Amino acid sequence: MTQSIPTQPTQLQRSLPDRIRMALAFEIIGLLLLVPVSTFLLDKPLLQLGGLAVIMSLMATWWNYQFNLWFDRYYLIPRGRWQKTLGERVWHALAFEAGLLLLFLPLTAWLLAISLWQALLLDLAFMLFYLVYGYLYHWGYDRIFPLSAAQPKDPVAQR
């Protein structure tokens, strides 16, 4: 007996409001954690770093929505599941942050009037923060708002 991969997994997908809530909460909490600390550590004006952080947050919110939609659609759905393994969570976080690094590097250098090397080091520090934060946030979000509550029972697993 072979197990087929669902062709219509719409019951397994997060809704648009859920995806928006996930992305917005991620960015708001991240800003509240990162901006005050980075302002203190980098000795840059709050408005300068805060402005950069808001621009980056808007870009990251868009990227978060797009990346997670892509990840679900092209990685998890073909496997017929929504739960990520530890390795998949690490890969997910690394791929997400690499995409952001490509977007942010020239923006950081330009807005803070620093070299590309300095911008890379700063973006890597931010990336490290968001890598850990992203892993913990998405793990927690999946625990607080699990998809399994909305999923139909798997008829194959019930046999």
N, C-alpha and C. Protein backbone atom coordinates (compact mmCIF):
# COMPACT_ATOMS: atom_id res chain seq x y z
N MET A 1 0.85 -1.17 0.00
CA MET A 1 0.00 0.00 0.00
C MET A 1 0.90 1.24 0.00
N THR A 2 0.64 2.16 -0.89
CA THR A 2 1.44 3.38 -0.96
C THR A 2 0.66 4.55 -0.38
N GLN A 3 1.39 5.45 0.19
CA GLN A 3 0.77 6.64 0.75
C GLN A 3 0.94 7.77 -0.25
N SER A 4 -0.16 8.41 -0.60
CA SER A 4 -0.08 9.49 -1.58
C SER A 4 0.11 10.83 -0.88
N ILE A 5 0.75 11.73 -1.60
CA ILE A 5 0.94 13.09 -1.10
C ILE A 5 -0.31 13.87 -1.44
N PRO A 6 -0.87 14.61 -0.49
CA PRO A 6 -2.08 15.35 -0.77
C PRO A 6 -1.89 16.35 -1.90
N THR A 7 -2.86 16.38 -2.81
CA THR A 7 -2.77 17.31 -3.93
C THR A 7 -3.49 18.62 -3.63
N GLN A 8 -4.40 18.62 -2.68
CA GLN A 8 -5.13 19.83 -2.30
C GLN A 8 -4.94 20.09 -0.80
N PRO A 9 -3.78 20.58 -0.39
CA PRO A 9 -3.52 20.74 1.04
C PRO A 9 -4.01 22.07 1.61
N THR A 10 -5.07 22.65 1.05
CA THR A 10 -5.50 23.96 1.51
C THR A 10 -5.86 23.96 2.99
N GLN A 11 -6.31 22.83 3.54
CA GLN A 11 -6.65 22.79 4.95
C GLN A 11 -5.39 22.95 5.81
N LEU A 12 -4.23 22.69 5.26
CA LEU A 12 -2.99 22.72 6.03
C LEU A 12 -2.31 24.08 6.00
N GLN A 13 -2.75 24.97 5.13
CA GLN A 13 -2.06 26.23 4.98
C GLN A 13 -2.49 27.24 6.04
N ARG A 14 -1.56 28.07 6.43
CA ARG A 14 -1.89 29.18 7.32
C ARG A 14 -2.71 30.18 6.53
N SER A 15 -3.65 30.80 7.20
CA SER A 15 -4.50 31.79 6.55
C SER A 15 -3.71 33.08 6.35
N LEU A 16 -4.23 33.94 5.49
CA LEU A 16 -3.59 35.23 5.26
C LEU A 16 -3.52 36.04 6.55
N PRO A 17 -4.60 36.15 7.34
CA PRO A 17 -4.48 36.89 8.61
C PRO A 17 -3.44 36.28 9.55
N ASP A 18 -3.34 34.96 9.59
CA ASP A 18 -2.35 34.31 10.44
C ASP A 18 -0.94 34.64 9.97
N ARG A 19 -0.71 34.60 8.68
CA ARG A 19 0.61 34.93 8.14
C ARG A 19 0.98 36.39 8.42
N ILE A 20 0.00 37.28 8.31
CA ILE A 20 0.24 38.69 8.59
C ILE A 20 0.55 38.88 10.07
N ARG A 21 -0.22 38.24 10.94
CA ARG A 21 0.04 38.32 12.38
C ARG A 21 1.45 37.80 12.69
N MET A 22 1.83 36.67 12.09
CA MET A 22 3.14 36.09 12.33
C MET A 22 4.25 37.06 11.93
N ALA A 23 4.14 37.64 10.75
CA ALA A 23 5.18 38.53 10.24
C ALA A 23 5.25 39.83 11.04
N LEU A 24 4.12 40.43 11.33
CA LEU A 24 4.12 41.70 12.06
C LEU A 24 4.62 41.54 13.49
N ALA A 25 4.17 40.51 14.16
CA ALA A 25 4.62 40.28 15.54
C ALA A 25 6.13 40.03 15.56
N PHE A 26 6.62 39.29 14.59
CA PHE A 26 8.06 39.02 14.50
C PHE A 26 8.84 40.32 14.41
N GLU A 27 8.42 41.22 13.53
CA GLU A 27 9.15 42.46 13.32
C GLU A 27 9.03 43.40 14.52
N ILE A 28 7.85 43.53 15.08
CA ILE A 28 7.66 44.45 16.21
C ILE A 28 8.48 44.01 17.41
N ILE A 29 8.42 42.74 17.74
CA ILE A 29 9.20 42.23 18.88
C ILE A 29 10.69 42.38 18.61
N GLY A 30 11.11 42.06 17.39
CA GLY A 30 12.53 42.20 17.03
C GLY A 30 13.02 43.63 17.16
N LEU A 31 12.22 44.60 16.70
CA LEU A 31 12.60 46.01 16.81
C LEU A 31 12.71 46.44 18.28
N LEU A 32 11.75 46.00 19.07
CA LEU A 32 11.76 46.37 20.48
C LEU A 32 12.98 45.81 21.21
N LEU A 33 13.49 44.69 20.74
CA LEU A 33 14.68 44.09 21.35
C LEU A 33 15.97 44.71 20.80
N LEU A 34 16.02 44.94 19.49
CA LEU A 34 17.29 45.28 18.84
C LEU A 34 17.63 46.77 18.84
N VAL A 35 16.69 47.64 18.58
CA VAL A 35 17.01 49.07 18.41
C VAL A 35 17.64 49.68 19.66
N PRO A 36 17.06 49.53 20.83
CA PRO A 36 17.70 50.16 22.00
C PRO A 36 19.11 49.61 22.27
N VAL A 37 19.28 48.32 22.12
CA VAL A 37 20.59 47.71 22.38
C VAL A 37 21.62 48.17 21.35
N SER A 38 21.25 48.17 20.07
CA SER A 38 22.20 48.56 19.02
C SER A 38 22.54 50.05 19.11
N THR A 39 21.57 50.88 19.49
CA THR A 39 21.84 52.31 19.67
C THR A 39 22.91 52.51 20.75
N PHE A 40 22.79 51.79 21.82
CA PHE A 40 23.75 51.88 22.92
C PHE A 40 25.12 51.34 22.51
N LEU A 41 25.15 50.16 21.90
CA LEU A 41 26.41 49.51 21.55
C LEU A 41 27.16 50.22 20.44
N LEU A 42 26.45 50.79 19.47
CA LEU A 42 27.09 51.41 18.31
C LEU A 42 27.31 52.91 18.48
N ASP A 43 26.76 53.46 19.54
CA ASP A 43 26.88 54.89 19.79
C ASP A 43 26.45 55.71 18.58
N LYS A 44 25.33 55.33 18.01
CA LYS A 44 24.72 56.05 16.89
C LYS A 44 23.41 56.65 17.39
N PRO A 45 22.97 57.73 16.75
CA PRO A 45 21.70 58.33 17.19
C PRO A 45 20.53 57.36 17.05
N LEU A 46 19.63 57.42 18.01
CA LEU A 46 18.45 56.56 18.02
C LEU A 46 17.64 56.72 16.74
N LEU A 47 17.47 57.95 16.27
CA LEU A 47 16.67 58.18 15.07
C LEU A 47 17.34 57.58 13.83
N GLN A 48 18.66 57.66 13.77
CA GLN A 48 19.37 57.10 12.61
C GLN A 48 19.24 55.58 12.58
N LEU A 49 19.56 54.93 13.70
CA LEU A 49 19.43 53.47 13.75
C LEU A 49 17.97 53.04 13.73
N GLY A 50 17.12 53.81 14.40
CA GLY A 50 15.70 53.49 14.39
C GLY A 50 15.11 53.59 13.00
N GLY A 51 15.50 54.64 12.26
CA GLY A 51 15.02 54.79 10.88
C GLY A 51 15.48 53.65 10.00
N LEU A 52 16.75 53.30 10.11
CA LEU A 52 17.27 52.16 9.36
C LEU A 52 16.52 50.89 9.74
N ALA A 53 16.31 50.71 11.03
CA ALA A 53 15.63 49.51 11.51
C ALA A 53 14.19 49.42 10.99
N VAL A 54 13.49 50.54 10.93
CA VAL A 54 12.12 50.53 10.41
C VAL A 54 12.10 50.20 8.92
N ILE A 55 13.01 50.79 8.15
CA ILE A 55 13.09 50.47 6.72
C ILE A 55 13.41 48.98 6.54
N MET A 56 14.39 48.51 7.31
CA MET A 56 14.76 47.10 7.23
C MET A 56 13.60 46.21 7.68
N SER A 57 12.88 46.66 8.67
CA SER A 57 11.75 45.90 9.17
C SER A 57 10.66 45.76 8.11
N LEU A 58 10.39 46.85 7.41
CA LEU A 58 9.39 46.80 6.34
C LEU A 58 9.82 45.84 5.23
N MET A 59 11.10 45.94 4.87
CA MET A 59 11.62 45.01 3.85
C MET A 59 11.60 43.58 4.37
N ALA A 60 11.96 43.39 5.63
CA ALA A 60 11.99 42.05 6.21
C ALA A 60 10.58 41.47 6.36
N THR A 61 9.61 42.33 6.64
CA THR A 61 8.23 41.86 6.75
C THR A 61 7.77 41.31 5.42
N TRP A 62 8.07 42.05 4.36
CA TRP A 62 7.72 41.57 3.01
C TRP A 62 8.45 40.26 2.73
N TRP A 63 9.75 40.21 3.02
CA TRP A 63 10.55 39.01 2.77
C TRP A 63 10.06 37.84 3.64
N ASN A 64 9.71 38.11 4.88
CA ASN A 64 9.21 37.07 5.78
C ASN A 64 7.97 36.42 5.20
N TYR A 65 7.04 37.25 4.77
CA TYR A 65 5.80 36.71 4.19
C TYR A 65 6.11 35.89 2.93
N GLN A 66 6.89 36.44 2.01
CA GLN A 66 7.20 35.76 0.76
C GLN A 66 7.99 34.48 1.01
N PHE A 67 9.01 34.56 1.85
CA PHE A 67 9.87 33.40 2.09
C PHE A 67 9.10 32.26 2.75
N ASN A 68 8.29 32.57 3.77
CA ASN A 68 7.54 31.52 4.45
C ASN A 68 6.46 30.92 3.55
N LEU A 69 5.85 31.74 2.73
CA LEU A 69 4.88 31.22 1.77
C LEU A 69 5.57 30.27 0.79
N TRP A 70 6.74 30.69 0.30
CA TRP A 70 7.50 29.84 -0.61
C TRP A 70 7.94 28.55 0.09
N PHE A 71 8.46 28.68 1.29
CA PHE A 71 8.95 27.52 2.02
C PHE A 71 7.83 26.50 2.22
N ASP A 72 6.68 26.99 2.65
CA ASP A 72 5.54 26.09 2.85
C ASP A 72 5.10 25.44 1.54
N ARG A 73 4.96 26.25 0.50
CA ARG A 73 4.43 25.78 -0.78
C ARG A 73 5.37 24.82 -1.49
N TYR A 74 6.66 25.13 -1.49
CA TYR A 74 7.59 24.34 -2.30
C TYR A 74 8.46 23.37 -1.51
N TYR A 75 8.42 23.46 -0.19
CA TYR A 75 9.22 22.53 0.59
C TYR A 75 8.34 21.61 1.44
N LEU A 76 7.45 22.17 2.24
CA LEU A 76 6.67 21.34 3.15
C LEU A 76 5.48 20.65 2.49
N ILE A 77 4.71 21.37 1.70
CA ILE A 77 3.52 20.77 1.09
C ILE A 77 3.87 19.53 0.25
N PRO A 78 4.91 19.58 -0.59
CA PRO A 78 5.23 18.37 -1.35
C PRO A 78 5.58 17.17 -0.47
N ARG A 79 5.97 17.42 0.76
CA ARG A 79 6.27 16.34 1.70
C ARG A 79 5.04 15.92 2.49
N GLY A 80 3.93 16.63 2.28
CA GLY A 80 2.67 16.27 2.93
C GLY A 80 2.63 16.55 4.42
N ARG A 81 3.39 17.56 4.86
CA ARG A 81 3.41 17.86 6.29
C ARG A 81 3.70 19.34 6.51
N TRP A 82 3.50 19.76 7.76
CA TRP A 82 3.78 21.14 8.14
C TRP A 82 4.77 21.26 9.28
N GLN A 83 5.04 20.20 9.95
CA GLN A 83 5.99 20.25 11.06
C GLN A 83 7.41 20.20 10.50
N LYS A 84 8.26 21.12 10.98
CA LYS A 84 9.65 21.15 10.54
C LYS A 84 10.51 20.38 11.53
N THR A 85 11.49 19.68 11.00
CA THR A 85 12.46 19.01 11.86
C THR A 85 13.45 20.06 12.37
N LEU A 86 14.30 19.69 13.30
CA LEU A 86 15.33 20.60 13.80
C LEU A 86 16.22 21.08 12.65
N GLY A 87 16.67 20.18 11.83
CA GLY A 87 17.52 20.54 10.69
C GLY A 87 16.82 21.48 9.72
N GLU A 88 15.54 21.23 9.48
CA GLU A 88 14.77 22.10 8.58
C GLU A 88 14.58 23.49 9.18
N ARG A 89 14.42 23.56 10.48
CA ARG A 89 14.30 24.88 11.14
C ARG A 89 15.62 25.66 11.01
N VAL A 90 16.74 24.98 11.15
CA VAL A 90 18.04 25.64 11.00
C VAL A 90 18.22 26.10 9.56
N TRP A 91 17.93 25.21 8.59
CA TRP A 91 18.04 25.57 7.18
C TRP A 91 17.11 26.73 6.84
N HIS A 92 15.89 26.70 7.34
CA HIS A 92 14.90 27.75 7.12
C HIS A 92 15.44 29.09 7.62
N ALA A 93 15.97 29.13 8.83
CA ALA A 93 16.49 30.37 9.40
C ALA A 93 17.71 30.88 8.62
N LEU A 94 18.62 29.99 8.25
CA LEU A 94 19.81 30.40 7.50
C LEU A 94 19.46 30.96 6.12
N ALA A 95 18.57 30.29 5.41
CA ALA A 95 18.17 30.75 4.07
C ALA A 95 17.44 32.09 4.16
N PHE A 96 16.59 32.23 5.15
CA PHE A 96 15.88 33.49 5.33
C PHE A 96 16.86 34.63 5.57
N GLU A 97 17.81 34.44 6.46
CA GLU A 97 18.77 35.49 6.80
C GLU A 97 19.72 35.80 5.64
N ALA A 98 20.09 34.80 4.87
CA ALA A 98 20.96 35.05 3.71
C ALA A 98 20.26 35.95 2.69
N GLY A 99 18.98 35.73 2.47
CA GLY A 99 18.22 36.60 1.58
C GLY A 99 18.17 38.03 2.09
N LEU A 100 17.98 38.17 3.38
CA LEU A 100 17.95 39.52 3.96
C LEU A 100 19.31 40.21 3.86
N LEU A 101 20.37 39.47 4.05
CA LEU A 101 21.70 40.05 3.97
C LEU A 101 21.93 40.66 2.59
N LEU A 102 21.50 39.98 1.55
CA LEU A 102 21.65 40.51 0.20
C LEU A 102 20.86 41.81 0.01
N LEU A 103 19.71 41.89 0.64
CA LEU A 103 18.90 43.10 0.54
C LEU A 103 19.47 44.26 1.37
N PHE A 104 19.99 43.94 2.54
CA PHE A 104 20.35 44.98 3.51
C PHE A 104 21.74 45.56 3.36
N LEU A 105 22.68 44.83 2.83
CA LEU A 105 24.08 45.28 2.82
C LEU A 105 24.25 46.66 2.19
N PRO A 106 23.80 46.89 0.96
CA PRO A 106 24.00 48.23 0.39
C PRO A 106 23.20 49.31 1.12
N LEU A 107 22.04 48.97 1.61
CA LEU A 107 21.20 49.92 2.33
C LEU A 107 21.87 50.36 3.64
N THR A 108 22.42 49.42 4.37
CA THR A 108 23.10 49.73 5.64
C THR A 108 24.29 50.64 5.40
N ALA A 109 25.10 50.31 4.41
CA ALA A 109 26.29 51.12 4.12
C ALA A 109 25.90 52.54 3.74
N TRP A 110 24.90 52.67 2.93
CA TRP A 110 24.48 53.99 2.46
C TRP A 110 23.86 54.83 3.57
N LEU A 111 22.88 54.28 4.30
CA LEU A 111 22.17 55.06 5.31
C LEU A 111 23.03 55.41 6.52
N LEU A 112 23.98 54.56 6.87
CA LEU A 112 24.85 54.85 8.02
C LEU A 112 26.17 55.49 7.60
N ALA A 113 26.36 55.68 6.28
CA ALA A 113 27.58 56.28 5.75
C ALA A 113 28.82 55.54 6.25
N ILE A 114 28.80 54.21 6.06
CA ILE A 114 29.93 53.37 6.46
C ILE A 114 30.36 52.55 5.25
N SER A 115 31.52 51.94 5.35
CA SER A 115 32.01 51.13 4.23
C SER A 115 31.18 49.85 4.10
N LEU A 116 31.30 49.22 2.94
CA LEU A 116 30.60 47.94 2.74
C LEU A 116 31.11 46.89 3.73
N TRP A 117 32.40 46.93 4.05
CA TRP A 117 32.95 45.99 5.03
C TRP A 117 32.32 46.21 6.41
N GLN A 118 32.24 47.46 6.84
CA GLN A 118 31.62 47.77 8.13
C GLN A 118 30.13 47.38 8.11
N ALA A 119 29.49 47.65 6.99
CA ALA A 119 28.08 47.29 6.85
C ALA A 119 27.91 45.77 6.91
N LEU A 120 28.83 45.05 6.30
CA LEU A 120 28.76 43.59 6.34
C LEU A 120 28.91 43.09 7.77
N LEU A 121 29.87 43.62 8.50
CA LEU A 121 30.06 43.20 9.89
C LEU A 121 28.83 43.53 10.74
N LEU A 122 28.28 44.71 10.55
CA LEU A 122 27.08 45.10 11.30
C LEU A 122 25.90 44.22 10.91
N ASP A 123 25.72 44.01 9.61
CA ASP A 123 24.61 43.15 9.17
C ASP A 123 24.78 41.71 9.65
N LEU A 124 26.02 41.24 9.70
CA LEU A 124 26.25 39.89 10.23
C LEU A 124 25.91 39.80 11.72
N ALA A 125 26.21 40.87 12.46
CA ALA A 125 25.83 40.89 13.88
C ALA A 125 24.31 40.90 14.02
N PHE A 126 23.64 41.72 13.21
CA PHE A 126 22.17 41.73 13.22
C PHE A 126 21.63 40.37 12.80
N MET A 127 22.29 39.78 11.81
CA MET A 127 21.86 38.47 11.32
C MET A 127 21.98 37.42 12.41
N LEU A 128 23.06 37.46 13.15
CA LEU A 128 23.23 36.51 14.25
C LEU A 128 22.10 36.66 15.27
N PHE A 129 21.80 37.92 15.62
CA PHE A 129 20.70 38.17 16.53
C PHE A 129 19.40 37.58 15.97
N TYR A 130 19.10 37.93 14.72
CA TYR A 130 17.83 37.49 14.13
C TYR A 130 17.81 35.99 13.82
N LEU A 131 18.97 35.41 13.62
CA LEU A 131 19.03 33.96 13.41
C LEU A 131 18.54 33.23 14.66
N VAL A 132 19.07 33.62 15.79
CA VAL A 132 18.65 33.01 17.06
C VAL A 132 17.21 33.40 17.37
N TYR A 133 16.91 34.68 17.26
CA TYR A 133 15.57 35.18 17.54
C TYR A 133 14.54 34.53 16.60
N GLY A 134 14.87 34.43 15.31
CA GLY A 134 13.94 33.83 14.34
C GLY A 134 13.64 32.38 14.64
N TYR A 135 14.66 31.64 15.00
CA TYR A 135 14.46 30.24 15.36
C TYR A 135 13.52 30.14 16.56
N LEU A 136 13.82 30.89 17.61
CA LEU A 136 13.01 30.84 18.83
C LEU A 136 11.60 31.37 18.59
N TYR A 137 11.48 32.45 17.82
CA TYR A 137 10.17 33.04 17.56
C TYR A 137 9.28 32.06 16.79
N HIS A 138 9.79 31.50 15.70
CA HIS A 138 8.95 30.61 14.89
C HIS A 138 8.63 29.31 15.62
N TRP A 139 9.55 28.84 16.43
CA TRP A 139 9.26 27.66 17.26
C TRP A 139 8.11 28.00 18.21
N GLY A 140 8.23 29.15 18.88
CA GLY A 140 7.19 29.57 19.80
C GLY A 140 5.86 29.83 19.11
N TYR A 141 5.92 30.45 17.94
CA TYR A 141 4.69 30.74 17.20
C TYR A 141 3.98 29.45 16.81
N ASP A 142 4.75 28.48 16.36
CA ASP A 142 4.16 27.18 16.00
C ASP A 142 3.56 26.49 17.22
N ARG A 143 4.12 26.73 18.39
CA ARG A 143 3.57 26.14 19.62
C ARG A 143 2.29 26.87 20.06
N ILE A 144 2.30 28.19 19.96
CA ILE A 144 1.15 28.99 20.40
C ILE A 144 0.00 28.91 19.40
N PHE A 145 0.33 28.91 18.10
CA PHE A 145 -0.68 28.85 17.05
C PHE A 145 -0.43 27.63 16.16
N PRO A 146 -0.62 26.43 16.69
CA PRO A 146 -0.32 25.22 15.90
C PRO A 146 -1.30 25.03 14.75
N LEU A 147 -0.80 24.52 13.66
CA LEU A 147 -1.66 24.19 12.53
C LEU A 147 -2.42 22.90 12.76
N SER A 148 -1.89 22.02 13.58
CA SER A 148 -2.53 20.73 13.78
C SER A 148 -3.95 20.87 14.30
N ALA A 149 -4.26 21.95 15.00
CA ALA A 149 -5.62 22.14 15.52
C ALA A 149 -6.61 22.33 14.38
N ALA A 150 -6.15 22.87 13.25
CA ALA A 150 -7.05 23.12 12.13
C ALA A 150 -6.98 22.01 11.08
N GLN A 151 -6.05 21.08 11.24
CA GLN A 151 -5.86 20.04 10.24
C GLN A 151 -6.88 18.92 10.43
N PRO A 152 -7.36 18.36 9.30
CA PRO A 152 -8.22 17.19 9.42
C PRO A 152 -7.38 15.99 9.84
N LYS A 153 -8.01 15.00 10.45
CA LYS A 153 -7.31 13.78 10.85
C LYS A 153 -6.80 13.07 9.61
N ASP A 154 -5.62 12.52 9.71
CA ASP A 154 -5.01 11.79 8.61
C ASP A 154 -5.62 10.40 8.54
N PRO A 155 -6.36 10.09 7.45
CA PRO A 155 -7.01 8.79 7.37
C PRO A 155 -6.01 7.63 7.30
N VAL A 156 -4.84 7.87 6.74
CA VAL A 156 -3.83 6.81 6.63
C VAL A 156 -3.31 6.45 8.03
N ALA A 157 -3.07 7.48 8.87
CA ALA A 157 -2.54 7.25 10.20
C ALA A 157 -3.57 6.57 11.12
N GLN A 158 -4.84 6.65 10.78
CA GLN A 158 -5.87 6.06 11.63
C GLN A 158 -6.03 4.57 11.38
N ARG A 159 -5.49 4.05 10.30
CA ARG A 159 -5.64 2.62 9.97
C ARG A 159 -4.81 1.76 10.86
